[in-house]
Amino acid sequence: MVKLKVKEIAEKKGISMGKLSRLADIDRNTVKKLYNDGRYSPTIDTLHRVARALGVTVADLIEEVDD
């Protein structure tokens, strides 16, 4: 199973949901899903935009966890 670490990384960098939405040029509701919905499966384009906005790689956003 895969867990997204968007919220943790954004908080460490002091980036709010609204700011991440603007920096990544994605809808705020999408950011909210990335933060809170463990079953949300974003597109690779969305992950690239978020990674670029946070200054990390797409791989940094993903963590493999046990079921």
Protein backbone atom coordinates (compact mmCIF):
# COMPACT_ATOMS: atom_id res chain seq x y z
CA MET A 1 0.00 0.00 0.00
CA VAL A 2 1.17 3.55 -0.74
CA LYS A 3 0.86 6.62 1.48
CA LEU A 4 1.31 10.16 0.21
CA LYS A 5 3.53 12.42 2.33
CA VAL A 6 2.38 15.72 0.81
CA LYS A 7 0.96 17.10 4.05
CA GLU A 8 4.05 16.25 6.10
CA ILE A 9 6.46 17.76 3.57
CA ALA A 10 4.37 20.90 3.06
CA GLU A 11 4.08 21.46 6.82
CA LYS A 12 7.85 21.04 7.30
CA LYS A 13 8.40 23.70 4.62
CA GLY A 14 5.76 26.01 6.08
CA ILE A 15 3.54 25.81 3.01
CA SER A 16 -0.21 25.99 3.58
CA MET A 17 -2.87 24.21 1.51
CA GLY A 18 -3.76 27.46 -0.23
CA LYS A 19 -0.17 28.31 -1.04
CA LEU A 20 0.51 24.80 -2.34
CA SER A 21 -2.59 25.05 -4.51
CA ARG A 22 -1.28 28.28 -6.04
CA LEU A 23 2.34 27.12 -6.40
CA ALA A 24 1.36 23.82 -8.02
CA ASP A 25 -1.47 25.40 -10.03
CA ILE A 26 -3.97 22.78 -8.87
CA ASP A 27 -7.41 23.10 -7.31
CA ARG A 28 -7.53 23.54 -3.53
CA ASN A 29 -9.94 20.58 -3.28
CA THR A 30 -7.28 18.40 -4.92
CA VAL A 31 -4.75 19.54 -2.32
CA LYS A 32 -7.28 18.75 0.40
CA LYS A 33 -7.66 15.21 -0.99
CA LEU A 34 -3.87 14.81 -1.13
CA TYR A 35 -3.68 15.81 2.53
CA ASN A 36 -6.62 13.86 3.93
CA ASP A 37 -7.89 11.07 1.67
CA GLY A 38 -5.77 7.93 1.99
CA ARG A 39 -7.59 6.33 -0.95
CA TYR A 40 -7.15 9.28 -3.32
CA SER A 41 -5.09 8.35 -6.37
CA PRO A 42 -3.77 11.51 -8.07
CA THR A 43 -2.53 11.65 -11.63
CA ILE A 44 1.20 11.61 -12.28
CA ASP A 45 0.85 15.18 -13.61
CA THR A 46 -0.59 16.29 -10.27
CA LEU A 47 2.24 14.58 -8.39
CA HIS A 48 4.81 16.28 -10.65
CA ARG A 49 3.24 19.69 -10.06
CA VAL A 50 3.16 19.18 -6.29
CA ALA A 51 6.71 17.84 -6.18
CA ARG A 52 7.98 20.82 -8.19
CA ALA A 53 6.10 23.26 -5.95
CA LEU A 54 7.58 21.66 -2.82
CA GLY A 55 11.09 21.35 -4.27
CA VAL A 56 11.21 17.57 -3.93
CA THR A 57 11.00 14.55 -6.23
CA VAL A 58 7.84 12.56 -6.87
CA ALA A 59 9.51 9.66 -5.06
CA ASP A 60 9.83 11.85 -1.95
CA LEU A 61 6.02 12.24 -1.90
CA ILE A 62 5.37 8.49 -1.75
CA GLU A 63 5.89 6.07 1.11
CA GLU A 64 5.21 2.35 0.95
CA VAL A 65 3.40 1.10 4.05
CA ASP A 66 2.14 -2.29 5.20
CA ASP A 67 -1.53 -3.05 4.59
